[in-house]
Amino acid sequence: MNINSLLYSLGLSGLFSSRIFLPAFVTALFMKYGHAWPLLKNIEFLSELAAKAADHPTWFTSGGMITALGVLSALEFVADKSPEARELMDDFSVYAKTGLSGLTTLGVMNTADAEFAGNVLQQAGFVETLPAVLSAAATYFGAQIRGGVMGVLNEADPDDTVKIRGFLSWIEDFLVVFGVRYLLAAPLLAFVVILAFFGGLYLIRKYHEGKFEEAKVPCSNCGERIHSFATGCHHCGTKVDHPNILGFLGGIKDEKAESIRDQELRLMRLKRSPLSGERFEGKGVVLTCEADGTKAFSDSELTKAYIGSVNEKLPKVLLVSALLGIVPVLGLIAGVIYYRLRLVAPFRRYLTFGQSFLTKWLLRLCLLVLALLQVLAGGIIAVPLMALLNFLFYRSAFSKALRKAELA
């Protein structure tokens, strides 16, 4: 068994933790054509793979397979740049990554060790499939760790308003392509680096989980540990007089809430239960907190107050947007981030994929015109208009969702 191909396959599992199709596409493409490219032709392992692929053509390096993986990679690239599409992909991506990682390992082993693997897909015994099983298991583990870290970002900014996840998406695309190159050049070193990277992600995830756990306080009545920002105990229902305030990105502040109703609205705007502070899981306005059984928007008075609390932010946001719009380009970016966090996110967080997708595309043409207006006539007018349009469109979509669910 070729140790380089085994190390490459295991190292590749780390890249599959980030993407479904791109690592397989780049691998097959490099194996088929990479040995003739300037930046790859001096890699000995790749030259060996190319020679063996020429002598023993396999399903993995066929033109049809490379084309199919290329098309799927392009679709995945586009989808990963959209928060809504990313959310849909997250539901199945772990299993898709795991399966394709195993298949890619079979393809690499079948090419690199043709005399060993034989017709591995037709005669799949334990020894032949062991590298694929190890690669798939490593991918599953890595994808779960990555999902936990990305979950931290989703909790802080579910709509990716600040574009941190979007930026990381571009970084991951870059790392996958160059990661394959360095795995081919130095499989052992790249494998160690990938292990260290995912070890770091695991530590970040555990640190975040521990931080929120450490911030919990005992209930004054039953002693149950509850969030310091909860308005009441999810176990016995005892009210908390002065819970901690959560920032609009979800960080716990030392400042105490003066009003319980304001704290409930603050938690709702962050898609958390107004009682326990635990997150509502899922999309839409019909949601139930698993910790305390609270149903989102079942209280009509709280729902009216929720919409009103966002309405109250409009004058200030328009003023700040106008001031930010004075600064060319950077002011536009800052203004968009600001009004989306303050006016759009509280509504958009509760919209389903279809509702949010339609609303976003109806807005884009208008916003494109306004963005041009910001460049030509000045952002002092354009950015507040963009904020107002977003607010009206998303509030309308949110109200329509409430009526459809008979919660209005």
Protein backbone atom coordinates (compact mmCIF):
# COMPACT_ATOMS: atom_id res chain seq x y z
CA MET A 1 0.00 0.00 0.00
CA ASN A 2 1.38 3.43 -1.00
CA ILE A 3 1.90 5.37 2.27
CA ASN A 4 1.79 8.72 0.43
CA SER A 5 -1.64 7.98 -1.00
CA LEU A 6 -2.88 6.92 2.44
CA LEU A 7 -1.53 10.10 4.12
CA TYR A 8 -2.96 12.17 1.27
CA SER A 9 -6.40 10.62 1.67
CA LEU A 10 -6.42 11.14 5.44
CA GLY A 11 -5.17 14.71 5.04
CA LEU A 12 -7.79 15.35 2.39
CA SER A 13 -10.47 14.48 4.96
CA GLY A 14 -9.62 17.74 6.69
CA LEU A 15 -10.38 19.68 3.51
CA PHE A 16 -13.62 17.74 3.03
CA SER A 17 -14.66 19.04 6.44
CA SER A 18 -15.01 22.46 4.77
CA ARG A 19 -16.37 21.58 1.33
CA ILE A 20 -18.37 18.75 -0.24
CA PHE A 21 -17.29 18.65 -3.89
CA LEU A 22 -14.32 21.00 -4.30
CA PRO A 23 -11.65 18.72 -2.72
CA ALA A 24 -12.76 15.79 -4.91
CA PHE A 25 -12.82 17.96 -8.05
CA VAL A 26 -9.37 19.48 -7.43
CA THR A 27 -7.92 16.05 -6.60
CA ALA A 28 -9.29 14.40 -9.75
CA LEU A 29 -8.29 17.40 -11.90
CA PHE A 30 -4.72 17.48 -10.56
CA MET A 31 -4.34 13.72 -10.94
CA LYS A 32 -5.47 13.89 -14.55
CA TYR A 33 -3.79 17.08 -15.78
CA GLY A 34 -1.77 18.66 -12.96
CA HIS A 35 1.55 16.96 -13.76
CA ALA A 36 1.84 19.19 -16.85
CA TRP A 37 1.18 22.49 -15.04
CA PRO A 38 4.10 24.73 -13.99
CA LEU A 39 3.29 24.85 -10.27
CA LEU A 40 2.62 21.10 -10.04
CA LYS A 41 4.87 19.32 -12.54
CA ASN A 42 7.80 18.97 -10.08
CA ILE A 43 5.74 17.05 -7.52
CA GLU A 44 6.96 13.46 -7.65
CA PHE A 45 3.86 11.88 -6.09
CA LEU A 46 1.61 13.64 -8.62
CA SER A 47 3.78 12.48 -11.51
CA GLU A 48 3.48 8.90 -10.22
CA LEU A 49 -0.29 9.24 -10.01
CA ALA A 50 -0.48 10.67 -13.53
CA ALA A 51 1.62 7.82 -14.95
CA LYS A 52 -0.51 5.19 -13.23
CA ALA A 53 -3.72 6.93 -14.28
CA ALA A 54 -2.48 6.82 -17.89
CA ASP A 55 -1.61 3.10 -17.65
CA HIS A 56 -4.72 2.15 -15.65
CA PRO A 57 -7.57 4.64 -16.35
CA THR A 58 -10.07 4.65 -13.48
CA TRP A 59 -13.58 5.96 -12.94
CA PHE A 60 -12.23 8.73 -10.69
CA THR A 61 -10.08 10.41 -13.34
CA SER A 62 -12.53 9.99 -16.22
CA GLY A 63 -13.63 13.08 -18.14
CA GLY A 64 -17.26 12.61 -17.14
CA MET A 65 -16.45 12.38 -13.43
CA ILE A 66 -14.21 15.49 -13.53
CA THR A 67 -16.88 17.46 -15.41
CA ALA A 68 -19.61 16.42 -12.98
CA LEU A 69 -17.50 17.29 -9.94
CA GLY A 70 -16.58 20.63 -11.55
CA VAL A 71 -20.23 21.57 -12.09
CA LEU A 72 -21.19 20.52 -8.55
CA SER A 73 -18.22 22.45 -7.12
CA ALA A 74 -19.33 25.59 -8.97
CA LEU A 75 -22.87 25.23 -7.63
CA GLU A 76 -21.54 24.68 -4.12
CA PHE A 77 -19.28 27.74 -4.47
CA VAL A 78 -22.24 29.96 -5.37
CA ALA A 79 -24.52 28.46 -2.72
CA ASP A 80 -21.96 28.85 0.05
CA LYS A 81 -21.91 32.61 -0.50
CA SER A 82 -25.61 32.86 0.46
CA PRO A 83 -26.61 32.59 4.16
CA GLU A 84 -29.96 30.98 3.24
CA ALA A 85 -28.39 28.42 0.92
CA ARG A 86 -25.67 27.68 3.49
CA GLU A 87 -28.36 26.95 6.05
CA LEU A 88 -30.03 24.47 3.71
CA MET A 89 -26.69 22.80 2.96
CA ASP A 90 -25.82 22.55 6.65
CA ASP A 91 -28.71 20.11 7.13
CA PHE A 92 -27.06 17.41 4.99
CA SER A 93 -23.50 18.59 4.32
CA VAL A 94 -21.85 16.53 7.09
CA TYR A 95 -23.12 13.29 5.57
CA ALA A 96 -22.38 14.37 1.99
CA LYS A 97 -18.82 15.33 2.95
CA THR A 98 -18.34 12.03 4.76
CA GLY A 99 -19.56 9.95 1.81
CA LEU A 100 -17.63 11.82 -0.87
CA SER A 101 -14.47 11.75 1.23
CA GLY A 102 -14.65 7.95 1.32
CA LEU A 103 -15.30 7.75 -2.43
CA THR A 104 -12.41 10.09 -3.20
CA THR A 105 -10.10 7.94 -1.08
CA LEU A 106 -11.19 4.89 -3.07
CA GLY A 107 -10.44 6.84 -6.26
CA VAL A 108 -6.97 7.86 -5.11
CA MET A 109 -6.10 4.39 -3.81
CA ASN A 110 -7.48 2.76 -6.96
CA THR A 111 -5.19 4.96 -9.08
CA ALA A 112 -2.09 4.92 -6.87
CA ASP A 113 -2.29 1.22 -5.96
CA ALA A 114 -3.99 -0.36 -8.92
CA GLU A 115 -2.19 -3.68 -8.40
CA PHE A 116 -3.34 -3.71 -4.76
CA ALA A 117 -6.85 -2.33 -5.06
CA GLY A 118 -7.91 -4.07 -8.25
CA ASN A 119 -11.59 -3.56 -8.89
CA VAL A 120 -12.09 -2.17 -5.42
CA LEU A 121 -15.69 -1.18 -5.97
CA GLN A 122 -16.59 -4.66 -7.14
CA GLN A 123 -14.50 -6.55 -4.58
CA ALA A 124 -14.80 -4.32 -1.54
CA GLY A 125 -13.33 -6.33 1.30
CA PHE A 126 -12.38 -4.93 4.71
CA VAL A 127 -8.69 -4.30 3.90
CA GLU A 128 -9.50 -2.58 0.61
CA THR A 129 -12.06 -0.26 2.16
CA LEU A 130 -10.20 0.48 5.41
CA PRO A 131 -8.52 3.70 4.10
CA ALA A 132 -11.88 4.96 2.83
CA VAL A 133 -13.52 4.17 6.18
CA LEU A 134 -10.76 6.01 8.07
CA SER A 135 -10.99 8.99 5.73
CA ALA A 136 -14.79 9.15 6.02
CA ALA A 137 -14.63 8.88 9.82
CA ALA A 138 -12.02 11.65 10.01
CA THR A 139 -14.15 13.84 7.73
CA TYR A 140 -17.24 13.28 9.86
CA PHE A 141 -15.33 14.23 13.01
CA GLY A 142 -13.78 17.30 11.36
CA ALA A 143 -17.09 18.45 9.87
CA GLN A 144 -18.75 18.20 13.28
CA ILE A 145 -16.01 20.31 14.86
CA ARG A 146 -16.22 22.88 12.07
CA GLY A 147 -20.00 22.95 12.42
CA GLY A 148 -19.67 23.68 16.12
CA VAL A 149 -17.33 26.61 15.50
CA MET A 150 -19.52 27.97 12.70
CA GLY A 151 -22.45 27.58 15.07
CA VAL A 152 -20.80 30.11 17.37
CA LEU A 153 -20.73 32.59 14.48
CA ASN A 154 -24.33 31.76 13.58
CA GLU A 155 -25.46 32.46 17.13
CA ALA A 156 -23.74 35.84 17.11
CA ASP A 157 -24.84 36.80 13.58
CA PRO A 158 -27.37 34.36 12.05
CA ASP A 159 -27.80 36.43 8.89
CA ASP A 160 -24.06 36.99 8.41
CA THR A 161 -24.66 40.72 8.45
CA VAL A 162 -21.04 41.47 9.37
CA LYS A 163 -19.96 38.99 6.62
CA ILE A 164 -17.56 37.05 8.84
CA ARG A 165 -18.83 33.71 7.53
CA GLY A 166 -18.75 35.04 3.99
CA PHE A 167 -15.11 36.03 4.43
CA LEU A 168 -14.27 32.64 5.93
CA SER A 169 -16.02 30.98 3.00
CA TRP A 170 -13.56 32.59 0.58
CA ILE A 171 -10.65 31.61 2.83
CA GLU A 172 -11.84 27.99 2.86
CA ASP A 173 -12.10 27.91 -0.94
CA PHE A 174 -8.53 29.16 -1.14
CA LEU A 175 -7.26 26.69 1.45
CA VAL A 176 -8.91 23.70 -0.22
CA VAL A 177 -7.26 24.39 -3.59
CA PHE A 178 -3.81 25.08 -2.14
CA GLY A 179 -4.26 22.42 0.53
CA VAL A 180 -4.57 19.76 -2.17
CA ARG A 181 -1.38 21.08 -3.78
CA TYR A 182 0.63 20.87 -0.56
CA LEU A 183 -0.85 17.50 0.35
CA LEU A 184 0.47 16.20 -2.95
CA ALA A 185 3.89 17.81 -2.39
CA ALA A 186 4.38 16.84 1.27
CA PRO A 187 1.58 14.55 2.49
CA LEU A 188 2.97 13.93 5.99
CA LEU A 189 3.67 17.59 6.78
CA ALA A 190 0.32 18.77 5.39
CA PHE A 191 -1.48 16.02 7.30
CA VAL A 192 0.11 17.18 10.57
CA VAL A 193 -0.81 20.81 9.83
CA ILE A 194 -4.44 19.85 9.13
CA LEU A 195 -4.59 17.86 12.37
CA ALA A 196 -3.25 20.87 14.28
CA PHE A 197 -5.79 23.16 12.61
CA PHE A 198 -8.77 21.03 13.59
CA GLY A 199 -7.32 20.56 17.04
CA GLY A 200 -7.33 24.35 17.34
CA LEU A 201 -10.96 24.51 16.15
CA TYR A 202 -11.92 21.91 18.76
CA LEU A 203 -10.29 23.96 21.53
CA ILE A 204 -12.09 27.12 20.34
CA ARG A 205 -15.42 25.31 20.42
CA LYS A 206 -14.85 23.92 23.91
CA TYR A 207 -13.71 27.34 25.15
CA HIS A 208 -16.89 28.98 23.87
CA GLU A 209 -19.12 26.30 25.37
CA GLY A 210 -17.28 26.53 28.68
CA LYS A 211 -17.54 30.32 28.72
CA PHE A 212 -21.33 30.28 28.48
CA GLU A 213 -21.53 27.45 31.01
CA GLU A 214 -19.34 29.30 33.50
CA ALA A 215 -21.54 32.40 33.14
CA LYS A 216 -24.59 30.48 34.41
CA VAL A 217 -25.90 31.27 37.90
CA PRO A 218 -27.99 29.18 40.33
CA CYS A 219 -31.71 29.86 40.53
CA SER A 220 -32.57 31.64 43.79
CA ASN A 221 -35.40 29.17 44.43
CA CYS A 222 -34.45 25.68 43.19
CA GLY A 223 -30.71 26.05 42.59
CA GLU A 224 -30.94 25.03 38.92
CA ARG A 225 -28.15 26.62 36.88
CA ILE A 226 -29.62 29.18 34.46
CA HIS A 227 -28.22 31.78 32.07
CA SER A 228 -27.28 35.04 33.75
CA PHE A 229 -29.36 36.82 31.10
CA ALA A 230 -32.50 34.69 31.61
CA THR A 231 -35.63 36.42 32.91
CA GLY A 232 -36.72 33.31 34.77
CA CYS A 233 -35.78 29.75 35.70
CA HIS A 234 -36.70 27.16 33.07
CA HIS A 235 -37.09 24.54 35.84
CA CYS A 236 -39.31 26.20 38.43
CA GLY A 237 -40.34 29.44 36.71
CA THR A 238 -38.93 31.77 39.39
CA LYS A 239 -38.41 35.26 37.98
CA VAL A 240 -35.00 36.98 37.86
CA ASP A 241 -35.07 40.62 38.94
CA HIS A 242 -31.99 41.99 37.20
CA PRO A 243 -30.61 39.71 34.46
CA ASN A 244 -27.47 40.58 32.52
CA ILE A 245 -27.86 42.36 29.21
CA LEU A 246 -26.89 40.65 25.96
CA GLY A 247 -25.23 42.73 23.24
CA PHE A 248 -26.77 42.78 19.75
CA LEU A 249 -24.15 40.20 18.67
CA GLY A 250 -24.96 37.92 21.60
CA GLY A 251 -22.12 38.77 24.00
CA ILE A 252 -22.88 38.81 27.74
CA LYS A 253 -22.42 42.23 29.34
CA ASP A 254 -21.85 43.10 33.00
CA GLU A 255 -24.65 45.67 32.74
CA LYS A 256 -27.98 44.66 34.28
CA ALA A 257 -31.37 45.05 32.58
CA GLU A 258 -33.62 47.61 34.28
CA SER A 259 -36.84 46.32 32.72
CA ILE A 260 -37.85 42.66 32.37
CA ARG A 261 -39.99 43.49 29.33
CA ASP A 262 -37.02 45.16 27.63
CA GLN A 263 -34.91 42.10 28.41
CA GLU A 264 -37.58 39.78 26.95
CA LEU A 265 -37.62 41.85 23.76
CA ARG A 266 -33.83 41.89 23.65
CA LEU A 267 -33.74 38.08 23.90
CA MET A 268 -36.43 37.74 21.21
CA ARG A 269 -34.45 39.96 18.85
CA LEU A 270 -31.55 37.51 19.27
CA LYS A 271 -33.88 34.57 18.59
CA ARG A 272 -33.82 33.40 22.19
CA SER A 273 -36.59 32.40 24.55
CA PRO A 274 -37.84 35.42 26.55
CA LEU A 275 -37.80 33.20 29.69
CA SER A 276 -34.73 30.93 29.74
CA GLY A 277 -32.64 32.73 27.14
CA GLU A 278 -32.02 29.48 25.25
CA ARG A 279 -32.00 29.72 21.47
CA PHE A 280 -35.05 28.93 19.37
CA GLU A 281 -33.97 26.24 16.93
CA GLY A 282 -35.29 26.21 13.37
CA LYS A 283 -36.78 28.80 11.04
CA GLY A 284 -40.14 30.51 10.86
CA VAL A 285 -42.35 32.17 13.47
CA VAL A 286 -43.78 28.91 14.85
CA LEU A 287 -40.97 27.90 17.20
CA THR A 288 -40.83 26.29 20.63
CA CYS A 289 -37.93 26.47 23.09
CA GLU A 290 -36.85 22.97 24.03
CA ALA A 291 -35.63 24.08 27.47
CA ASP A 292 -38.73 25.85 28.82
CA GLY A 293 -41.52 25.13 26.31
CA THR A 294 -42.04 28.82 25.47
CA LYS A 295 -43.65 29.34 22.06
CA ALA A 296 -42.33 32.28 20.07
CA PHE A 297 -44.96 34.96 19.38
CA SER A 298 -47.75 33.09 21.15
CA ASP A 299 -48.16 36.14 23.43
CA SER A 300 -49.89 38.79 21.30
CA GLU A 301 -48.87 41.65 23.59
CA LEU A 302 -45.24 40.60 23.50
CA THR A 303 -45.44 40.26 19.71
CA LYS A 304 -46.81 43.80 19.35
CA ALA A 305 -44.11 45.09 21.67
CA TYR A 306 -41.49 43.19 19.66
CA ILE A 307 -42.46 44.84 16.38
CA GLY A 308 -42.76 48.19 18.18
CA SER A 309 -39.27 47.86 19.66
CA VAL A 310 -37.79 47.53 16.17
CA ASN A 311 -39.95 50.41 14.88
CA GLU A 312 -38.55 52.64 17.61
CA LYS A 313 -35.02 52.12 16.33
CA LEU A 314 -35.87 53.45 12.86
CA PRO A 315 -35.29 57.24 13.40
CA LYS A 316 -31.89 56.72 15.04
CA VAL A 317 -30.80 54.19 12.41
CA LEU A 318 -31.80 56.55 9.58
CA LEU A 319 -29.81 59.38 11.16
CA VAL A 320 -26.70 57.23 11.74
CA SER A 321 -27.01 55.78 8.21
CA ALA A 322 -27.09 59.27 6.74
CA LEU A 323 -23.96 60.26 8.63
CA LEU A 324 -22.15 57.07 7.61
CA GLY A 325 -23.26 57.60 4.02
CA ILE A 326 -21.24 60.78 3.81
CA VAL A 327 -18.08 58.65 3.65
CA PRO A 328 -17.70 57.15 0.14
CA VAL A 329 -17.70 53.33 -0.22
CA LEU A 330 -16.61 52.52 3.35
CA GLY A 331 -19.53 54.53 4.67
CA LEU A 332 -21.88 52.52 2.47
CA ILE A 333 -20.48 49.24 3.83
CA ALA A 334 -20.66 50.39 7.46
CA GLY A 335 -24.16 51.78 6.96
CA VAL A 336 -25.45 48.55 5.43
CA ILE A 337 -24.00 46.46 8.27
CA TYR A 338 -25.45 48.84 10.87
CA TYR A 339 -29.02 48.98 9.56
CA ARG A 340 -29.12 45.25 8.84
CA LEU A 341 -28.13 44.45 12.41
CA ARG A 342 -30.59 46.92 13.94
CA LEU A 343 -33.59 46.82 11.60
CA VAL A 344 -33.41 43.73 9.40
CA ALA A 345 -31.99 40.94 11.58
CA PRO A 346 -34.83 40.98 14.19
CA PHE A 347 -37.33 40.18 11.40
CA ARG A 348 -35.21 38.10 9.06
CA ARG A 349 -34.15 35.66 11.79
CA TYR A 350 -37.72 34.39 11.96
CA LEU A 351 -38.36 34.05 8.22
CA THR A 352 -38.20 30.73 6.41
CA PHE A 353 -35.83 30.20 3.50
CA GLY A 354 -38.55 30.93 0.92
CA GLN A 355 -39.82 34.07 2.65
CA SER A 356 -36.34 35.49 3.18
CA PHE A 357 -35.12 34.55 -0.31
CA LEU A 358 -38.04 36.23 -2.08
CA THR A 359 -37.80 39.37 0.03
CA LYS A 360 -34.05 39.65 -0.53
CA TRP A 361 -34.30 39.38 -4.31
CA LEU A 362 -37.16 41.86 -4.51
CA LEU A 363 -34.90 44.31 -2.69
CA ARG A 364 -31.72 43.77 -4.65
CA LEU A 365 -32.71 45.71 -7.77
CA CYS A 366 -33.80 48.69 -5.65
CA LEU A 367 -30.63 48.53 -3.59
CA LEU A 368 -28.44 48.38 -6.70
CA VAL A 369 -30.01 51.63 -7.92
CA LEU A 370 -29.52 53.20 -4.49
CA ALA A 371 -25.91 52.05 -4.32
CA LEU A 372 -25.27 53.82 -7.61
CA LEU A 373 -27.03 56.86 -6.18
CA GLN A 374 -24.64 56.74 -3.22
CA VAL A 375 -21.67 56.94 -5.60
CA LEU A 376 -23.17 59.58 -7.89
CA ALA A 377 -25.19 61.80 -5.58
CA GLY A 378 -23.94 61.02 -2.10
CA GLY A 379 -24.78 58.45 0.55
CA ILE A 380 -26.45 60.93 2.88
CA ILE A 381 -29.63 60.18 0.91
CA ALA A 382 -28.97 56.71 -0.51
CA VAL A 383 -27.99 54.81 2.65
CA PRO A 384 -31.01 55.93 4.74
CA LEU A 385 -33.28 55.04 1.79
CA MET A 386 -31.67 51.59 1.65
CA ALA A 387 -32.27 51.22 5.39
CA LEU A 388 -35.90 52.30 5.09
CA LEU A 389 -36.62 49.97 2.17
CA ASN A 390 -35.06 47.00 3.96
CA PHE A 391 -37.01 47.78 7.11
CA LEU A 392 -40.35 48.05 5.26
CA PHE A 393 -39.82 44.94 3.15
CA TYR A 394 -38.70 42.69 5.99
CA ARG A 395 -41.28 43.99 8.45
CA SER A 396 -43.97 43.30 5.85
CA ALA A 397 -42.65 39.77 5.25
CA PHE A 398 -42.50 39.14 9.01
CA SER A 399 -46.07 40.41 9.55
CA LYS A 400 -47.28 38.26 6.67
CA ALA A 401 -45.62 35.21 8.23
CA LEU A 402 -47.37 35.95 11.54
CA ARG A 403 -50.75 36.23 9.80
CA LYS A 404 -50.18 33.02 7.87
CA ALA A 405 -49.40 31.23 11.13
CA GLU A 406 -52.44 32.90 12.77
CA LEU A 407 -50.20 34.63 15.30
CA ALA A 408 -50.89 38.23 14.26
